[in-house]
PDB file of N, CA and C in Angstrom:
ATOM      1  N   MET A   1      69.315 115.095 120.837  1.00  0.00           N
ATOM      2  CA  MET A   1      68.726 114.261 121.855  1.00  0.00           C
ATOM      3  C   MET A   1      68.430 112.879 121.301  1.00  0.00           C
ATOM      4  N   SER A   2      67.859 112.815 120.085  1.00  0.00           N
ATOM      5  CA  SER A   2      67.530 111.510 119.509  1.00  0.00           C
ATOM      6  C   SER A   2      68.783 110.737 119.138  1.00  0.00           C
ATOM      7  N   GLU A   3      69.860 111.466 118.810  1.00  0.00           N
ATOM      8  CA  GLU A   3      71.110 110.782 118.496  1.00  0.00           C
ATOM      9  C   GLU A   3      71.645 110.054 119.714  1.00  0.00           C
ATOM     10  N   SER A   4      71.553 110.673 120.883  1.00  0.00           N
ATOM     11  CA  SER A   4      72.049 110.026 122.090  1.00  0.00           C
ATOM     12  C   SER A   4      71.195 108.802 122.418  1.00  0.00           C
ATOM     13  N   LYS A   5      69.899 108.858 122.149  1.00  0.00           N
ATOM     14  CA  LYS A   5      69.046 107.694 122.366  1.00  0.00           C
ATOM     15  C   LYS A   5      69.412 106.583 121.399  1.00  0.00           C
ATOM     16  N   LEU A   6      69.702 106.956 120.163  1.00  0.00           N
ATOM     17  CA  LEU A   6      70.080 105.955 119.167  1.00  0.00           C
ATOM     18  C   LEU A   6      71.378 105.275 119.571  1.00  0.00           C
ATOM     19  N   LEU A   7      72.358 106.064 119.952  1.00  0.00           N
ATOM     20  CA  LEU A   7      73.643 105.510 120.352  1.00  0.00           C
ATOM     21  C   LEU A   7      73.497 104.600 121.567  1.00  0.00           C
ATOM     22  N   LYS A   8      72.728 105.058 122.558  1.00  0.00           N
ATOM     23  CA  LYS A   8      72.488 104.234 123.746  1.00  0.00           C
ATOM     24  C   LYS A   8      71.804 102.919 123.365  1.00  0.00           C
ATOM     25  N   SER A   9      70.824 102.994 122.490  1.00  0.00           N
ATOM     26  CA  SER A   9      70.095 101.795 122.075  1.00  0.00           C
ATOM     27  C   SER A   9      71.006 100.821 121.337  1.00  0.00           C
ATOM     28  N   VAL A  10      71.862 101.346 120.490  1.00  0.00           N
ATOM     29  CA  VAL A  10      72.796 100.494 119.742  1.00  0.00           C
ATOM     30  C   VAL A  10      73.761  99.809 120.700  1.00  0.00           C
ATOM     31  N   VAL A  11      74.288 100.564 121.664  1.00  0.00           N
ATOM     32  CA  VAL A  11      75.229  99.987 122.638  1.00  0.00           C
ATOM     33  C   VAL A  11      74.535  98.931 123.485  1.00  0.00           C
ATOM     34  N   ILE A  12      73.332  99.231 123.960  1.00  0.00           N
ATOM     35  CA  ILE A  12      72.593  98.263 124.774  1.00  0.00           C
ATOM     36  C   ILE A  12      72.283  97.015 123.956  1.00  0.00           C
ATOM     37  N   GLY A  13      71.906  97.190 122.698  1.00  0.00           N
ATOM     38  CA  GLY A  13      71.625  96.047 121.831  1.00  0.00           C
ATOM     39  C   GLY A  13      72.857  95.190 121.604  1.00  0.00           C
ATOM     40  N   ALA A  14      73.999  95.851 121.404  1.00  0.00           N
ATOM     41  CA  ALA A  14      75.251  95.113 121.200  1.00  0.00           C
ATOM     42  C   ALA A  14      75.630  94.330 122.449  1.00  0.00           C
ATOM     43  N   LEU A  15      75.488  94.970 123.607  1.00  0.00           N
ATOM     44  CA  LEU A  15      75.798  94.275 124.863  1.00  0.00           C
ATOM     45  C   LEU A  15      74.848  93.108 125.099  1.00  0.00           C
ATOM     46  N   ALA A  16      73.571  93.309 124.816  1.00  0.00           N
ATOM     47  CA  ALA A  16      72.601  92.221 124.980  1.00  0.00           C
ATOM     48  C   ALA A  16      72.929  91.072 124.030  1.00  0.00           C
ATOM     49  N   GLY A  17      73.291  91.388 122.794  1.00  0.00           N
ATOM     50  CA  GLY A  17      73.654  90.355 121.824  1.00  0.00           C
ATOM     51  C   GLY A  17      74.889  89.587 122.264  1.00  0.00           C
ATOM     52  N   ALA A  18      75.891  90.313 122.781  1.00  0.00           N
ATOM     53  CA  ALA A  18      77.104  89.656 123.272  1.00  0.00           C
ATOM     54  C   ALA A  18      76.787  88.757 124.455  1.00  0.00           C
ATOM     55  N   LEU A  19      75.946  89.232 125.366  1.00  0.00           N
ATOM     56  CA  LEU A  19      75.560  88.439 126.534  1.00  0.00           C
ATOM     57  C   LEU A  19      74.811  87.175 126.117  1.00  0.00           C
ATOM     58  N   ILE A  20      73.891  87.311 125.212  1.00  0.00           N
ATOM     59  CA  ILE A  20      73.112  86.154 124.741  1.00  0.00           C
ATOM     60  C   ILE A  20      74.014  85.158 124.027  1.00  0.00           C
ATOM     61  N   SER A  21      74.981  85.649 123.246  1.00  0.00           N
ATOM     62  CA  SER A  21      75.869  84.730 122.530  1.00  0.00           C
ATOM     63  C   SER A  21      76.753  83.941 123.482  1.00  0.00           C
ATOM     64  N   MET A  22      76.972  84.446 124.692  1.00  0.00           N
ATOM     65  CA  MET A  22      77.806  83.747 125.677  1.00  0.00           C
ATOM     66  C   MET A  22      77.107  82.512 126.248  1.00  0.00           C
ATOM     67  N   PHE A  23      75.809  82.336 125.990  1.00  0.00           N
ATOM     68  CA  PHE A  23      75.117  81.135 126.451  1.00  0.00           C
ATOM     69  C   PHE A  23      75.577  79.902 125.674  1.00  0.00           C
ATOM     70  N   ASP A  24      76.123  80.119 124.460  1.00  0.00           N
ATOM     71  CA  ASP A  24      76.651  79.009 123.667  1.00  0.00           C
ATOM     72  C   ASP A  24      78.037  78.648 124.194  1.00  0.00           C
ATOM     73  N   ARG A  25      78.241  77.373 124.506  1.00  0.00           N
ATOM     74  CA  ARG A  25      79.489  76.919 125.127  1.00  0.00           C
ATOM     75  C   ARG A  25      80.700  77.167 124.222  1.00  0.00           C
ATOM     76  N   LYS A  26      80.584  76.821 122.935  1.00  0.00           N
ATOM     77  CA  LYS A  26      81.716  76.991 122.016  1.00  0.00           C
ATOM     78  C   LYS A  26      82.096  78.467 121.876  1.00  0.00           C
ATOM     79  N   THR A  27      81.103  79.314 121.778  1.00  0.00           N
ATOM     80  CA  THR A  27      81.365  80.746 121.664  1.00  0.00           C
ATOM     81  C   THR A  27      82.054  81.253 122.923  1.00  0.00           C
ATOM     82  N   ARG A  28      81.561  80.835 124.078  1.00  0.00           N
ATOM     83  CA  ARG A  28      82.147  81.258 125.347  1.00  0.00           C
ATOM     84  C   ARG A  28      83.600  80.804 125.456  1.00  0.00           C
ATOM     85  N   GLU A  29      83.873  79.528 125.115  1.00  0.00           N
ATOM     86  CA  GLU A  29      85.242  79.005 125.177  1.00  0.00           C
ATOM     87  C   GLU A  29      86.160  79.733 124.203  1.00  0.00           C
ATOM     88  N   HIS A  30      85.679  79.983 123.007  1.00  0.00           N
ATOM     89  CA  HIS A  30      86.472  80.685 121.997  1.00  0.00           C
ATOM     90  C   HIS A  30      86.777  82.106 122.457  1.00  0.00           C
ATOM     91  N   THR A  31      85.794  82.778 123.033  1.00  0.00           N
ATOM     92  CA  THR A  31      85.979  84.141 123.519  1.00  0.00           C
ATOM     93  C   THR A  31      87.002  84.183 124.642  1.00  0.00           C
ATOM     94  N   ILE A  32      86.904  83.235 125.568  1.00  0.00           N
ATOM     95  CA  ILE A  32      87.855  83.176 126.684  1.00  0.00           C
ATOM     96  C   ILE A  32      89.264  82.922 126.157  1.00  0.00           C
ATOM     97  N   GLU A  33      89.408  81.978 125.226  1.00  0.00           N
ATOM     98  CA  GLU A  33      90.719  81.659 124.647  1.00  0.00           C
ATOM     99  C   GLU A  33      91.317  82.871 123.926  1.00  0.00           C
ATOM    100  N   THR A  34      90.507  83.545 123.128  1.00  0.00           N
ATOM    101  CA  THR A  34      90.972  84.719 122.389  1.00  0.00           C
ATOM    102  C   THR A  34      91.365  85.849 123.340  1.00  0.00           C
ATOM    103  N   THR A  35      90.579  86.039 124.390  1.00  0.00           N
ATOM    104  CA  THR A  35      90.881  87.083 125.365  1.00  0.00           C
ATOM    105  C   THR A  35      92.192  86.794 126.084  1.00  0.00           C
ATOM    106  N   LYS A  36      92.431  85.533 126.438  1.00  0.00           N
ATOM    107  CA  LYS A  36      93.688  85.156 127.097  1.00  0.00           C
ATOM    108  C   LYS A  36      94.879  85.407 126.178  1.00  0.00           C
ATOM    109  N   LYS A  37      94.740  85.062 124.901  1.00  0.00           N
ATOM    110  CA  LYS A  37      95.825  85.296 123.944  1.00  0.00           C
ATOM    111  C   LYS A  37      96.113  86.787 123.809  1.00  0.00           C
ATOM    112  N   MET A  38      95.042  87.598 123.740  1.00  0.00           N
ATOM    113  CA  MET A  38      95.238  89.046 123.640  1.00  0.00           C
ATOM    114  C   MET A  38      95.935  89.580 124.879  1.00  0.00           C
ATOM    115  N   LYS A  39      95.521  89.115 126.046  1.00  0.00           N
ATOM    116  CA  LYS A  39      96.145  89.558 127.297  1.00  0.00           C
ATOM    117  C   LYS A  39      97.622  89.197 127.312  1.00  0.00           C
ATOM    118  N   ASP A  40      97.948  87.965 126.908  1.00  0.00           N
ATOM    119  CA  ASP A  40      99.346  87.531 126.872  1.00  0.00           C
ATOM    120  C   ASP A  40     100.167  88.392 125.907  1.00  0.00           C
ATOM    121  N   THR A  41      99.592  88.711 124.785  1.00  0.00           N
ATOM    122  CA  THR A  41     100.282  89.547 123.795  1.00  0.00           C
ATOM    123  C   THR A  41     100.529  90.948 124.346  1.00  0.00           C
ATOM    124  N   VAL A  42      99.522  91.520 124.979  1.00  0.00           N
ATOM    125  CA  VAL A  42      99.664  92.866 125.549  1.00  0.00           C
ATOM    126  C   VAL A  42     100.724  92.866 126.642  1.00  0.00           C
ATOM    127  N   VAL A  43     100.705  91.870 127.500  1.00  0.00           N
ATOM    128  CA  VAL A  43     101.697  91.787 128.580  1.00  0.00           C
ATOM    129  C   VAL A  43     103.098  91.625 127.990  1.00  0.00           C
ATOM    130  N   TYR A  44     103.233  90.762 126.964  1.00  0.00           N
ATOM    131  CA  TYR A  44     104.542  90.539 126.335  1.00  0.00           C
ATOM    132  C   TYR A  44     105.100  91.833 125.764  1.00  0.00           C
ATOM    133  N   TYR A  45     104.274  92.550 124.985  1.00  0.00           N
ATOM    134  CA  TYR A  45     104.766  93.777 124.359  1.00  0.00           C
ATOM    135  C   TYR A  45     104.934  94.906 125.367  1.00  0.00           C
ATOM    136  N   ALA A  46     104.218  94.855 126.483  1.00  0.00           N
ATOM    137  CA  ALA A  46     104.434  95.846 127.536  1.00  0.00           C
ATOM    138  C   ALA A  46     105.815  95.659 128.158  1.00  0.00           C
ATOM    139  N   LYS A  47     106.257  94.418 128.252  1.00  0.00           N
ATOM    140  CA  LYS A  47     107.588  94.132 128.808  1.00  0.00           C
ATOM    141  C   LYS A  47     108.687  94.294 127.762  1.00  0.00           C
ATOM    142  N   ASN A  48     108.360  94.127 126.500  1.00  0.00           N
ATOM    143  CA  ASN A  48     109.347  94.173 125.412  1.00  0.00           C
ATOM    144  C   ASN A  48     108.974  95.275 124.416  1.00  0.00           C
ATOM    145  N   ARG A  49     109.057  96.488 124.873  1.00  0.00           N
ATOM    146  CA  ARG A  49     108.631  97.629 124.046  1.00  0.00           C
ATOM    147  C   ARG A  49     109.462  97.791 122.785  1.00  0.00           C
ATOM    148  N   GLU A  50     110.754  97.458 122.854  1.00  0.00           N
ATOM    149  CA  GLU A  50     111.594  97.614 121.662  1.00  0.00           C
ATOM    150  C   GLU A  50     111.150  96.656 120.554  1.00  0.00           C
ATOM    151  N   GLN A  51     110.674  95.480 120.918  1.00  0.00           N
ATOM    152  CA  GLN A  51     110.157  94.560 119.892  1.00  0.00           C
ATOM    153  C   GLN A  51     108.856  95.088 119.301  1.00  0.00           C
ATOM    154  N   LEU A  52     108.024  95.689 120.150  1.00  0.00           N
ATOM    155  CA  LEU A  52     106.791  96.298 119.655  1.00  0.00           C
ATOM    156  C   LEU A  52     107.121  97.436 118.694  1.00  0.00           C
ATOM    157  N   GLN A  53     108.094  98.256 119.061  1.00  0.00           N
ATOM    158  CA  GLN A  53     108.496  99.357 118.190  1.00  0.00           C
ATOM    159  C   GLN A  53     109.020  98.830 116.865  1.00  0.00           C
ATOM    160  N   GLN A  54     109.827  97.763 116.914  1.00  0.00           N
ATOM    161  CA  GLN A  54     110.362  97.167 115.693  1.00  0.00           C
ATOM    162  C   GLN A  54     109.228  96.601 114.834  1.00  0.00           C
ATOM    163  N   LEU A  55     108.275  95.941 115.476  1.00  0.00           N
ATOM    164  CA  LEU A  55     107.129  95.385 114.743  1.00  0.00           C
ATOM    165  C   LEU A  55     106.322  96.487 114.072  1.00  0.00           C
ATOM    166  N   VAL A  56     106.089  97.567 114.796  1.00  0.00           N
ATOM    167  CA  VAL A  56     105.333  98.689 114.235  1.00  0.00           C
ATOM    168  C   VAL A  56     106.085  99.309 113.063  1.00  0.00           C
ATOM    169  N   GLU A  57     107.405  99.472 113.208  1.00  0.00           N
ATOM    170  CA  GLU A  57     108.205 100.038 112.119  1.00  0.00           C
ATOM    171  C   GLU A  57     108.168  99.141 110.887  1.00  0.00           C
ATOM    172  N   GLU A  58     108.232  97.820 111.099  1.00  0.00           N
ATOM    173  CA  GLU A  58     108.154  96.890 109.967  1.00  0.00           C
ATOM    174  C   GLU A  58     106.808  97.013 109.260  1.00  0.00           C
ATOM    175  N   LYS A  59     105.738  97.097 110.038  1.00  0.00           N
ATOM    176  CA  LYS A  59     104.401  97.220 109.444  1.00  0.00           C
ATOM    177  C   LYS A  59     104.252  98.540 108.696  1.00  0.00           C
ATOM    178  N   VAL A  60     104.828  99.613 109.246  1.00  0.00           N
ATOM    179  CA  VAL A  60     104.777 100.914 108.560  1.00  0.00           C
ATOM    180  C   VAL A  60     105.549 100.832 107.246  1.00  0.00           C
ATOM    181  N   ASP A  61     106.721 100.195 107.271  1.00  0.00           N
ATOM    182  CA  ASP A  61     107.508 100.031 106.042  1.00  0.00           C
ATOM    183  C   ASP A  61     106.747  99.211 105.004  1.00  0.00           C
ATOM    184  N   GLU A  62     106.104  98.121 105.456  1.00  0.00           N
ATOM    185  CA  GLU A  62     105.315  97.300 104.530  1.00  0.00           C
ATOM    186  C   GLU A  62     104.186  98.116 103.924  1.00  0.00           C
ATOM    187  N   PHE A  63     103.533  98.917 104.748  1.00  0.00           N
ATOM    188  CA  PHE A  63     102.441  99.751 104.254  1.00  0.00           C
ATOM    189  C   PHE A  63     102.949 100.772 103.246  1.00  0.00           C
ATOM    190  N   GLN A  64     104.097 101.381 103.531  1.00  0.00           N
ATOM    191  CA  GLN A  64     104.654 102.363 102.603  1.00  0.00           C
ATOM    192  C   GLN A  64     105.002 101.718 101.267  1.00  0.00           C
ATOM    193  N   GLU A  65     105.596 100.511 101.304  1.00  0.00           N
ATOM    194  CA  GLU A  65     105.906  99.798 100.062  1.00  0.00           C
ATOM    195  C   GLU A  65     104.633  99.483  99.292  1.00  0.00           C
ATOM    196  N   LEU A  66     103.617  99.021 100.008  1.00  0.00           N
ATOM    197  CA  LEU A  66     102.343  98.707  99.367  1.00  0.00           C
ATOM    198  C   LEU A  66     101.733  99.957  98.742  1.00  0.00           C
ATOM    199  N   TYR A  67     101.800 101.071  99.460  1.00  0.00           N
ATOM    200  CA  TYR A  67     101.276 102.336  98.949  1.00  0.00           C
ATOM    201  C   TYR A  67     102.026 102.771  97.693  1.00  0.00           C
ATOM    202  N   GLU A  68     103.351 102.656  97.717  1.00  0.00           N
ATOM    203  CA  GLU A  68     104.155 103.053  96.556  1.00  0.00           C
ATOM    204  C   GLU A  68     103.843 102.177  95.351  1.00  0.00           C
ATOM    205  N   LYS A  69     103.725 100.869  95.569  1.00  0.00           N
ATOM    206  CA  LYS A  69     103.396  99.971  94.462  1.00  0.00           C
ATOM    207  C   LYS A  69     102.010 100.279  93.914  1.00  0.00           C
ATOM    208  N   ALA A  70     101.060 100.534  94.818  1.00  0.00           N
ATOM    209  CA  ALA A  70      99.707 100.861  94.368  1.00  0.00           C
ATOM    210  C   ALA A  70      99.711 102.162  93.570  1.00  0.00           C
ATOM    211  N   SER A  71     100.476 103.137  94.021  1.00  0.00           N
ATOM    212  CA  SER A  71     100.561 104.415  93.296  1.00  0.00           C
ATOM    213  C   SER A  71     101.162 104.212  91.909  1.00  0.00           C
ATOM    214  N   GLU A  72     102.211 103.403  91.843  1.00  0.00           N
ATOM    215  CA  GLU A  72     102.819 103.111  90.542  1.00  0.00           C
ATOM    216  C   GLU A  72     101.818 102.425  89.623  1.00  0.00           C
ATOM    217  N   ASN A  73     101.074 101.470  90.171  1.00  0.00           N
ATOM    218  CA  ASN A  73     100.083 100.756  89.361  1.00  0.00           C
ATOM    219  C   ASN A  73      98.975 101.689  88.895  1.00  0.00           C
ATOM    220  N   VAL A  74      98.539 102.584  89.758  1.00  0.00           N
ATOM    221  CA  VAL A  74      97.497 103.540  89.372  1.00  0.00           C
ATOM    222  C   VAL A  74      98.021 104.455  88.266  1.00  0.00           C
ATOM    223  N   ASN A  75      99.246 104.927  88.415  1.00  0.00           N
ATOM    224  CA  ASN A  75      99.836 105.793  87.379  1.00  0.00           C
ATOM    225  C   ASN A  75      99.956 105.046  86.058  1.00  0.00           C
ATOM    226  N   LEU A  76     100.361 103.787  86.113  1.00  0.00           N
ATOM    227  CA  LEU A  76     100.476 102.980  84.900  1.00  0.00           C
ATOM    228  C   LEU A  76      99.109 102.817  84.236  1.00  0.00           C
ATOM    229  N   ILE A  77      98.112 102.541  85.031  1.00  0.00           N
ATOM    230  CA  ILE A  77      96.755 102.371  84.494  1.00  0.00           C
ATOM    231  C   ILE A  77      96.262 103.673  83.867  1.00  0.00           C
ATOM    232  N   VAL A  78      96.510 104.791  84.540  1.00  0.00           N
ATOM    233  CA  VAL A  78      96.084 106.087  83.996  1.00  0.00           C
ATOM    234  C   VAL A  78      96.781 106.345  82.664  1.00  0.00           C
ATOM    235  N   ASN A  79      98.075 106.053  82.594  1.00  0.00           N
ATOM    236  CA  ASN A  79      98.802 106.243  81.334  1.00  0.00           C
ATOM    237  C   ASN A  79      98.255 105.352  80.234  1.00  0.00           C
ATOM    238  N   LYS A  80      97.944 104.105  80.561  1.00  0.00           N
ATOM    239  CA  LYS A  80      97.395 103.189  79.553  1.00  0.00           C
ATOM    240  C   LYS A  80      96.018 103.657  79.092  1.00  0.00           C
ATOM    241  N   VAL A  81      95.218 104.181  80.002  1.00  0.00           N
ATOM    242  CA  VAL A  81      93.893 104.697  79.626  1.00  0.00           C
ATOM    243  C   VAL A  81      94.051 105.876  78.677  1.00  0.00           C
ATOM    244  N   GLU A  82      95.008 106.730  78.960  1.00  0.00           N
ATOM    245  CA  GLU A  82      95.259 107.866  78.064  1.00  0.00           C
ATOM    246  C   GLU A  82      95.691 107.388  76.678  1.00  0.00           C
ATOM    247  N   GLU A  83      96.536 106.345  76.646  1.00  0.00           N
ATOM    248  CA  GLU A  83      96.956 105.785  75.355  1.00  0.00           C
ATOM    249  C   GLU A  83      95.758 105.217  74.606  1.00  0.00           C
ATOM    250  N   VAL A  84      94.886 104.528  75.314  1.00  0.00           N
ATOM    251  CA  VAL A  84      93.701 103.936  74.680  1.00  0.00           C
ATOM    252  C   VAL A  84      92.776 105.036  74.169  1.00  0.00           C
ATOM    253  N   LYS A  85      92.684 106.134  74.895  1.00  0.00           N
ATOM    254  CA  LYS A  85      91.849 107.256  74.448  1.00  0.00           C
ATOM    255  C   LYS A  85      92.382 107.834  73.144  1.00  0.00           C
ATOM    256  N   ASP A  86      93.697 107.798  72.938  1.00  0.00           N
ATOM    257  CA  ASP A  86      94.302 108.356  71.732  1.00  0.00           C
ATOM    258  C   ASP A  86      94.159 107.436  70.522  1.00  0.00           C
ATOM    259  N   ILE A  87      93.865 106.179  70.717  1.00  0.00           N
ATOM    260  CA  ILE A  87      93.778 105.216  69.614  1.00  0.00           C
ATOM    261  C   ILE A  87      92.724 105.627  68.581  1.00  0.00           C
ATOM    262  N   PRO A  88      91.503 105.994  68.967  1.00  0.00           N
ATOM    263  CA  PRO A  88      90.529 106.394  67.933  1.00  0.00           C
ATOM    264  C   PRO A  88      91.013 107.577  67.101  1.00  0.00           C
ATOM    265  N   ASN A  89      91.665 108.532  67.724  1.00  0.00           N
ATOM    266  CA  ASN A  89      92.192 109.672  66.968  1.00  0.00           C
ATOM    267  C   ASN A  89      93.270 109.221  65.990  1.00  0.00           C
ATOM    268  N   SER A  90      94.124 108.304  66.417  1.00  0.00           N
ATOM    269  CA  SER A  90      95.177 107.789  65.539  1.00  0.00           C
ATOM    270  C   SER A  90      94.560 107.026  64.370  1.00  0.00           C
ATOM    271  N   ILE A  91      93.570 106.220  64.664  1.00  0.00           N
ATOM    272  CA  ILE A  91      92.917 105.449  63.600  1.00  0.00           C
ATOM    273  C   ILE A  91      92.236 106.396  62.619  1.00  0.00           C
ATOM    274  N   GLN A  92      91.545 107.411  63.145  1.00  0.00           N
ATOM    275  CA  GLN A  92      90.888 108.382  62.277  1.00  0.00           C
ATOM    276  C   GLN A  92      91.911 109.100  61.413  1.00  0.00           C
ATOM    277  N   SER A  93      93.044 109.432  61.950  1.00  0.00           N
ATOM    278  CA  SER A  93      94.100 110.094  61.192  1.00  0.00           C
ATOM    279  C   SER A  93      94.611 109.179  60.082  1.00  0.00           C
ATOM    280  N   ILE A  94      94.809 107.893  60.399  1.00  0.00           N
ATOM    281  CA  ILE A  94      95.274 106.933  59.387  1.00  0.00           C
ATOM    282  C   ILE A  94      94.232 106.794  58.284  1.00  0.00           C
ATOM    283  N   VAL A  95      92.959 106.706  58.656  1.00  0.00           N
ATOM    284  CA  VAL A  95      91.889 106.574  57.666  1.00  0.00           C
ATOM    285  C   VAL A  95      91.851 107.817  56.774  1.00  0.00           C
ATOM    286  N   ASN A  96      91.949 108.976  57.375  1.00  0.00           N
ATOM    287  CA  ASN A  96      91.930 110.214  56.578  1.00  0.00           C
ATOM    288  C   ASN A  96      93.137 110.286  55.648  1.00  0.00           C
ATOM    289  N   ASP A  97      94.317 109.915  56.141  1.00  0.00           N
ATOM    290  CA  ASP A  97      95.514 109.913  55.289  1.00  0.00           C
ATOM    291  C   ASP A  97      95.357 108.925  54.138  1.00  0.00           C
ATOM    292  N   THR A  98      94.782 107.768  54.430  1.00  0.00           N
ATOM    293  CA  THR A  98      94.585 106.759  53.388  1.00  0.00           C
ATOM    294  C   THR A  98      93.599 107.253  52.343  1.00  0.00           C
ATOM    295  N   LYS A  99      92.498 107.865  52.790  1.00  0.00           N
ATOM    296  CA  LYS A  99      91.514 108.403  51.853  1.00  0.00           C
ATOM    297  C   LYS A  99      92.161 109.468  50.964  1.00  0.00           C
ATOM    298  N   GLN A 100      92.929 110.329  51.592  1.00  0.00           N
ATOM    299  CA  GLN A 100      93.575 111.397  50.846  1.00  0.00           C
ATOM    300  C   GLN A 100      94.577 110.834  49.853  1.00  0.00           C
ATOM    301  N   ALA A 101      95.314 109.807  50.244  1.00  0.00           N
ATOM    302  CA  ALA A 101      96.297 109.200  49.353  1.00  0.00           C
ATOM    303  C   ALA A 101      95.620 108.576  48.148  1.00  0.00           C
ATOM    304  N   PHE A 102      94.507 107.903  48.365  1.00  0.00           N
ATOM    305  CA  PHE A 102      93.801 107.278  47.240  1.00  0.00           C
ATOM    306  C   PHE A 102      93.086 108.289  46.378  1.00  0.00           C
ATOM    307  N   SER A 103      92.588 109.366  46.967  1.00  0.00           N
ATOM    308  CA  SER A 103      91.883 110.362  46.170  1.00  0.00           C
ATOM    309  C   SER A 103      92.845 111.223  45.352  1.00  0.00           C
ATOM    310  N   ASN A 104      94.110 111.328  45.779  1.00  0.00           N
ATOM    311  CA  ASN A 104      95.092 112.123  45.056  1.00  0.00           C
ATOM    312  C   ASN A 104      95.782 111.309  43.966  1.00  0.00           C
ATOM    313  N   ASP A 105      95.728 109.985  44.068  1.00  0.00           N
ATOM    314  CA  ASP A 105      96.378 109.137  43.055  1.00  0.00           C
ATOM    315  C   ASP A 105      95.636 109.241  41.743  1.00  0.00           C
ATOM    316  N   GLU A 106      96.406 109.221  40.660  1.00  0.00           N
ATOM    317  CA  GLU A 106      95.789 109.187  39.340  1.00  0.00           C
ATOM    318  C   GLU A 106      95.571 107.729  38.967  1.00  0.00           C
ATOM    319  N   PRO A 107      94.525 107.470  38.228  1.00  0.00           N
ATOM    320  CA  PRO A 107      94.265 106.083  37.844  1.00  0.00           C
ATOM    321  C   PRO A 107      95.394 105.531  36.979  1.00  0.00           C
ATOM    322  N   ILE A 108      95.689 104.263  37.163  1.00  0.00           N
ATOM    323  CA  ILE A 108      96.752 103.589  36.401  1.00  0.00           C
ATOM    324  C   ILE A 108      96.156 103.166  35.068  1.00  0.00           C
ATOM    325  N   ASN A 109      96.893 103.414  33.957  1.00  0.00           N
ATOM    326  CA  ASN A 109      96.435 103.042  32.616  1.00  0.00           C
ATOM    327  C   ASN A 109      96.982 101.739  32.204  1.00  0.00           C
TER     328      ASN A 109
END
């Protein structure tokens, strides 16, 4: 019950805010201009559905390419992090080998 009151209050507040913002001339003109452009776009694509389909397919392809590149970059980063994690072990191994090499050497006369 309280959720429905909250939702109603948020919607009423948003509508009141939108109504109050329309008192500003620049905001009103900008809103009217934007609404007209949106209407023109919707009407255009309603008449030219094949262009809308082509546009959507292009955007899907762009998104897929972006996703693939991001996945490759994430995999590369994960691999580099794994390599960096191995560096201390490699250094420790080199230090131990060096210590062992010097401790096994006989002193030079």
